[in-house]
Amino acid sequence: MNENVNENQQIPQNEETTENQQTTENQQLETSEQTGRIVIITGDKGGVGKSTFARGLLHLYINKQLKYLAYDSDHRNAQLYRHYDSAQPGVKLLDIFTRGGADDLLIDLEKELPPLVLVDLPAQSGLFFENFEKDLGVFDAVKGLGYRVTMVSVLSRVKDSVNILRILHKYCGDRVDYVVVKNLFHGEADKFERYDSSDTRTKLLDAGAVEIKMPDLFFKPYDYIDENNLTFSEVLEDKQANIVIKSRVSAWLKEFEQSVLNANELLGIKENAVITDQAA
């Protein structure tokens, strides 16, 4: 048998392979046409580290002089708003629990068309978010405005983390991108056995999800920041904070940024952004 194939001879392709390639090409084209990024932070129970991640991410947006809008919908414990309400621009409160309460989000997007939007959801708010999304058709609406959505799920080691992530993926499907954050406050990265061995992880990775780690910030500087309602940049300039607090926060910010940059595109961070303070 002649094993050589004439260069003009066409090799037949499997129909399923061709369809998969076409789907991938369509998704890539669709993503390339969407110039904005909406980053939505989710988690299971309170204390998982969701708002800490949101605050760290917003610090990077500000530090890199990125144009953004930010919203805190956790009215019971509005950490993002409490620490960054005086930022330029500040954080707005968003009510996803009351019908019509979050309409301003789409109104703001249509009016201002910022390239980057950050939304911090309350813990275990999946059902309310689904109702909000269905009521307004959020995914279709923001797609029409030129945005691609990233759902960020901050994990602890408990079973609920995997269950909520599974429900999130089942609802959102391929309409969004995914970033999974292992919060090392809850243990080393290899201790997240429930997630690592789950079918949910396999499905997410197959869908292009990116996994990153959030470093553990020692409790003393964390408590100091929390007690004084400071941003991460403010604590570095605070005259009452001692050198150990400042050093730990600075080191944490550097480690946080290095980890987050592994998902820079999905989190809306430009690689060539200008760094403006000593912590980045």
Protein backbone atom coordinates (compact mmCIF):
# COMPACT_ATOMS: atom_id res chain seq x y z
CA MET A 1 0.00 0.00 0.00
CA ASN A 2 1.27 3.46 -0.85
CA GLU A 3 1.59 5.32 2.47
CA ASN A 4 2.34 8.65 0.81
CA VAL A 5 -0.58 11.01 0.41
CA ASN A 6 -0.69 13.36 -2.53
CA GLU A 7 -0.68 16.95 -1.23
CA ASN A 8 -3.66 17.71 -3.45
CA GLN A 9 -5.61 14.76 -2.09
CA GLN A 10 -8.14 15.71 0.60
CA ILE A 11 -8.26 13.53 3.68
CA PRO A 12 -11.83 12.99 4.86
CA GLN A 13 -12.57 14.28 8.36
CA ASN A 14 -14.80 12.73 10.95
CA GLU A 15 -18.09 14.67 10.98
CA GLU A 16 -18.13 14.91 14.78
CA THR A 17 -14.57 16.28 14.83
CA THR A 18 -15.48 18.86 12.20
CA GLU A 19 -18.53 19.95 14.20
CA ASN A 20 -16.45 20.27 17.39
CA GLN A 21 -13.85 22.34 15.59
CA GLN A 22 -16.56 24.58 14.17
CA THR A 23 -18.09 25.04 17.63
CA THR A 24 -14.70 25.98 19.09
CA GLU A 25 -14.06 28.45 16.26
CA ASN A 26 -17.48 30.02 16.78
CA GLN A 27 -16.83 30.38 20.52
CA GLN A 28 -13.43 31.97 19.87
CA LEU A 29 -14.97 34.38 17.36
CA GLU A 30 -17.77 35.23 19.79
CA THR A 31 -15.27 35.89 22.61
CA SER A 32 -13.07 38.05 20.36
CA GLU A 33 -16.08 40.24 19.55
CA GLN A 34 -16.76 40.84 23.24
CA THR A 35 -14.45 43.55 24.52
CA GLY A 36 -15.67 43.93 28.11
CA ARG A 37 -15.36 41.60 31.10
CA ILE A 38 -17.78 41.15 34.01
CA VAL A 39 -16.22 39.31 36.95
CA ILE A 40 -18.72 37.86 39.44
CA ILE A 41 -17.34 36.52 42.74
CA THR A 42 -19.24 33.66 44.39
CA GLY A 43 -18.73 31.26 47.28
CA ASP A 44 -20.58 28.88 49.55
CA LYS A 45 -20.78 29.89 53.21
CA GLY A 46 -19.75 33.15 54.85
CA GLY A 47 -16.08 33.14 55.79
CA VAL A 48 -14.96 31.19 52.72
CA GLY A 49 -12.79 34.16 51.64
CA LYS A 50 -14.99 35.44 48.83
CA SER A 51 -14.89 39.10 49.83
CA THR A 52 -11.18 38.96 50.64
CA PHE A 53 -10.55 37.78 47.08
CA ALA A 54 -12.82 40.52 45.72
CA ARG A 55 -10.94 43.15 47.74
CA GLY A 56 -7.59 41.85 46.54
CA LEU A 57 -8.78 41.87 42.94
CA LEU A 58 -10.17 45.39 43.23
CA HIS A 59 -6.82 46.48 44.70
CA LEU A 60 -5.14 45.26 41.51
CA TYR A 61 -7.67 47.03 39.29
CA ILE A 62 -7.03 50.31 41.09
CA ASN A 63 -3.29 49.73 41.28
CA LYS A 64 -3.06 49.05 37.55
CA GLN A 65 -5.23 52.07 36.72
CA LEU A 66 -7.93 49.99 35.06
CA LYS A 67 -11.29 51.59 34.37
CA TYR A 68 -13.99 49.67 36.24
CA LEU A 69 -17.32 49.62 38.00
CA ALA A 70 -17.64 47.63 41.24
CA TYR A 71 -20.70 46.38 43.12
CA ASP A 72 -21.23 44.74 46.50
CA SER A 73 -24.48 42.80 46.82
CA ASP A 74 -23.71 41.30 50.24
CA HIS A 75 -25.80 43.64 52.39
CA ARG A 76 -25.34 41.61 55.58
CA ASN A 77 -21.56 41.82 55.42
CA ALA A 78 -20.66 44.33 52.72
CA GLN A 79 -16.89 44.07 53.06
CA LEU A 80 -16.08 45.30 49.59
CA TYR A 81 -18.27 48.37 50.07
CA ARG A 82 -17.02 48.97 53.62
CA HIS A 83 -13.36 48.98 52.58
CA TYR A 84 -13.61 50.58 49.14
CA ASP A 85 -16.68 52.85 49.12
CA SER A 86 -14.41 55.92 49.00
CA ALA A 87 -12.23 54.57 46.17
CA GLN A 88 -12.19 56.29 42.78
CA PRO A 89 -14.67 55.18 41.53
CA GLY A 90 -16.28 53.84 44.68
CA VAL A 91 -18.14 50.59 45.21
CA LYS A 92 -21.92 50.66 44.80
CA LEU A 93 -24.40 48.54 46.72
CA LEU A 94 -26.51 46.15 44.66
CA ASP A 95 -29.70 44.44 45.85
CA ILE A 96 -30.22 41.12 44.06
CA PHE A 97 -32.76 39.93 46.64
CA THR A 98 -35.49 42.39 45.69
CA ARG A 99 -37.00 42.32 42.22
CA GLY A 100 -35.87 45.48 40.45
CA GLY A 101 -33.24 46.19 43.08
CA ALA A 102 -30.35 45.34 40.80
CA ASP A 103 -31.65 46.94 37.61
CA ASP A 104 -29.10 49.73 38.00
CA LEU A 105 -26.35 47.27 37.07
CA LEU A 106 -27.56 46.96 33.47
CA ILE A 107 -28.48 50.64 33.33
CA ASP A 108 -24.94 51.60 34.40
CA LEU A 109 -23.40 49.22 31.88
CA GLU A 110 -25.47 50.58 29.00
CA LYS A 111 -24.73 54.18 30.00
CA GLU A 112 -21.03 53.97 30.83
CA LEU A 113 -19.79 50.82 29.04
CA PRO A 114 -16.80 50.33 31.35
CA PRO A 115 -14.33 47.72 30.10
CA LEU A 116 -14.34 45.96 33.47
CA VAL A 117 -17.05 45.22 36.05
CA LEU A 118 -16.62 43.52 39.42
CA VAL A 119 -19.62 42.09 41.33
CA ASP A 120 -19.29 40.54 44.80
CA LEU A 121 -22.26 38.23 45.46
CA PRO A 122 -23.44 37.21 48.93
CA ALA A 123 -22.59 33.73 50.18
CA GLN A 124 -25.05 31.02 49.12
CA SER A 125 -26.99 33.39 46.88
CA GLY A 126 -27.16 31.04 43.90
CA LEU A 127 -30.96 30.81 43.78
CA PHE A 128 -31.37 34.58 44.05
CA PHE A 129 -28.76 35.09 41.34
CA GLU A 130 -30.56 32.65 39.05
CA ASN A 131 -33.86 34.46 39.58
CA PHE A 132 -32.15 37.81 38.96
CA GLU A 133 -30.49 36.51 35.80
CA LYS A 134 -33.68 34.94 34.46
CA ASP A 135 -35.82 37.97 35.28
CA LEU A 136 -33.58 40.35 33.35
CA GLY A 137 -31.95 37.94 30.93
CA VAL A 138 -28.62 39.23 32.23
CA PHE A 139 -26.32 36.97 30.24
CA ASP A 140 -27.98 37.81 26.93
CA ALA A 141 -28.20 41.50 27.81
CA VAL A 142 -24.53 41.90 28.71
CA LYS A 143 -23.51 39.84 25.68
CA GLY A 144 -25.42 42.32 23.55
CA LEU A 145 -23.44 45.13 25.17
CA GLY A 146 -20.17 43.40 24.31
CA TYR A 147 -19.33 41.70 27.63
CA ARG A 148 -18.11 38.24 28.51
CA VAL A 149 -18.85 36.99 32.05
CA THR A 150 -16.41 35.21 34.36
CA MET A 151 -17.81 33.38 37.37
CA VAL A 152 -15.22 33.16 40.14
CA SER A 153 -15.88 30.49 42.78
CA VAL A 154 -13.84 30.72 45.99
CA LEU A 155 -13.56 27.30 47.63
CA SER A 156 -13.15 26.02 51.14
CA ARG A 157 -12.71 22.31 51.83
CA VAL A 158 -16.33 21.62 52.74
CA LYS A 159 -18.77 19.64 50.61
CA ASP A 160 -20.96 22.69 50.01
CA SER A 161 -18.19 24.31 47.97
CA VAL A 162 -18.33 21.54 45.39
CA ASN A 163 -22.13 21.29 45.44
CA ILE A 164 -22.63 25.00 44.84
CA LEU A 165 -20.00 24.99 42.11
CA ARG A 166 -21.77 22.05 40.44
CA ILE A 167 -25.11 23.90 40.53
CA LEU A 168 -23.45 27.06 39.22
CA HIS A 169 -21.95 25.21 36.25
CA LYS A 170 -25.22 23.40 35.54
CA TYR A 171 -27.07 26.71 35.31
CA CYS A 172 -24.48 28.86 33.54
CA GLY A 173 -23.02 26.23 31.20
CA ASP A 174 -20.87 27.62 28.41
CA ARG A 175 -22.41 31.09 28.67
CA VAL A 176 -19.65 32.12 31.05
CA ASP A 177 -15.97 31.47 31.81
CA TYR A 178 -14.85 30.00 35.13
CA VAL A 179 -12.09 30.68 37.65
CA VAL A 180 -11.83 28.40 40.68
CA VAL A 181 -9.95 29.77 43.69
CA LYS A 182 -8.51 27.52 46.39
CA ASN A 183 -8.31 29.64 49.55
CA LEU A 184 -5.16 28.44 51.33
CA PHE A 185 -6.53 29.75 54.63
CA HIS A 186 -8.46 26.47 54.64
CA GLY A 187 -5.40 24.30 53.99
CA GLU A 188 -2.71 23.61 51.42
CA ALA A 189 -3.73 23.29 47.77
CA ASP A 190 -3.49 19.49 47.82
CA LYS A 191 -5.96 19.27 50.73
CA PHE A 192 -9.03 20.16 48.65
CA GLU A 193 -9.80 16.48 48.08
CA ARG A 194 -13.57 16.87 47.63
CA TYR A 195 -13.09 19.27 44.77
CA ASP A 196 -10.00 17.62 43.25
CA SER A 197 -11.69 14.23 42.95
CA SER A 198 -15.08 15.53 41.79
CA ASP A 199 -16.75 15.17 38.40
CA THR A 200 -17.48 18.88 38.66
CA ARG A 201 -13.79 19.68 38.46
CA THR A 202 -13.38 17.47 35.39
CA LYS A 203 -16.27 19.17 33.62
CA LEU A 204 -14.99 22.65 34.49
CA LEU A 205 -11.47 21.96 33.30
CA ASP A 206 -12.86 20.51 30.09
CA ALA A 207 -14.79 23.78 29.69
CA GLY A 208 -11.58 25.81 30.03
CA ALA A 209 -11.76 26.76 33.72
CA VAL A 210 -8.60 28.16 35.32
CA GLU A 211 -7.62 27.19 38.85
CA ILE A 212 -5.65 29.58 41.07
CA LYS A 213 -4.67 29.80 44.73
CA MET A 214 -5.31 32.62 47.19
CA PRO A 215 -2.50 32.88 49.74
CA ASP A 216 -3.29 32.88 53.44
CA LEU A 217 -2.98 36.32 55.06
CA PHE A 218 -1.86 36.03 58.70
CA PHE A 219 -4.69 36.85 61.09
CA LYS A 220 -3.03 39.84 62.83
CA PRO A 221 -2.69 42.09 59.76
CA TYR A 222 -6.05 40.83 58.49
CA ASP A 223 -7.73 41.78 61.77
CA TYR A 224 -6.00 45.18 61.77
CA ILE A 225 -7.27 45.94 58.26
CA ASP A 226 -10.76 44.74 59.16
CA GLU A 227 -10.93 46.70 62.40
CA ASN A 228 -9.89 49.95 60.72
CA ASN A 229 -11.82 49.48 57.46
CA LEU A 230 -8.67 50.01 55.41
CA THR A 231 -7.91 49.15 51.81
CA PHE A 232 -4.78 47.11 51.19
CA SER A 233 -3.01 50.21 49.87
CA GLU A 234 -4.07 52.31 52.87
CA VAL A 235 -2.59 49.93 55.42
CA LEU A 236 0.82 50.32 53.78
CA GLU A 237 0.65 54.06 54.41
CA ASP A 238 -1.02 53.88 57.81
CA LYS A 239 1.16 55.46 60.52
CA GLN A 240 -0.39 53.32 63.24
CA ALA A 241 0.42 50.04 61.51
CA ASN A 242 3.74 48.55 62.57
CA ILE A 243 6.41 47.28 60.21
CA VAL A 244 5.39 43.63 60.60
CA ILE A 245 1.81 44.34 59.56
CA LYS A 246 2.97 46.32 56.53
CA SER A 247 5.54 43.70 55.53
CA ARG A 248 3.05 40.84 55.75
CA VAL A 249 0.43 42.72 53.72
CA SER A 250 2.99 43.73 51.09
CA ALA A 251 4.24 40.15 50.76
CA TRP A 252 0.65 38.82 50.56
CA LEU A 253 -0.23 41.28 47.81
CA LYS A 254 2.75 40.24 45.71
CA GLU A 255 1.89 36.55 46.10
CA PHE A 256 -1.79 37.25 45.42
CA GLU A 257 -0.98 39.09 42.20
CA GLN A 258 1.33 36.36 40.93
CA SER A 259 -1.42 33.79 41.44
CA VAL A 260 -4.18 35.93 39.94
CA LEU A 261 -2.15 36.66 36.81
CA ASN A 262 -2.50 32.97 35.90
CA ALA A 263 -6.08 33.90 35.03
CA ASN A 264 -5.39 37.46 33.93
CA GLU A 265 -7.55 37.42 30.81
CA LEU A 266 -10.57 35.91 32.56
CA LEU A 267 -10.21 38.40 35.43
CA GLY A 268 -9.82 41.42 33.16
CA ILE A 269 -6.23 42.23 34.11
CA LYS A 270 -4.02 43.61 31.37
CA GLU A 271 -0.44 42.36 31.39
CA ASN A 272 0.92 45.74 30.32
CA ALA A 273 -1.01 47.72 32.93
CA VAL A 274 0.89 50.40 34.82
CA ILE A 275 1.84 49.57 38.40
CA THR A 276 1.50 52.58 40.67
CA ASP A 277 2.33 51.60 44.23
CA GLN A 278 5.01 49.70 46.08
CA ALA A 279 2.81 46.72 46.93
CA ALA A 280 2.24 45.42 43.42
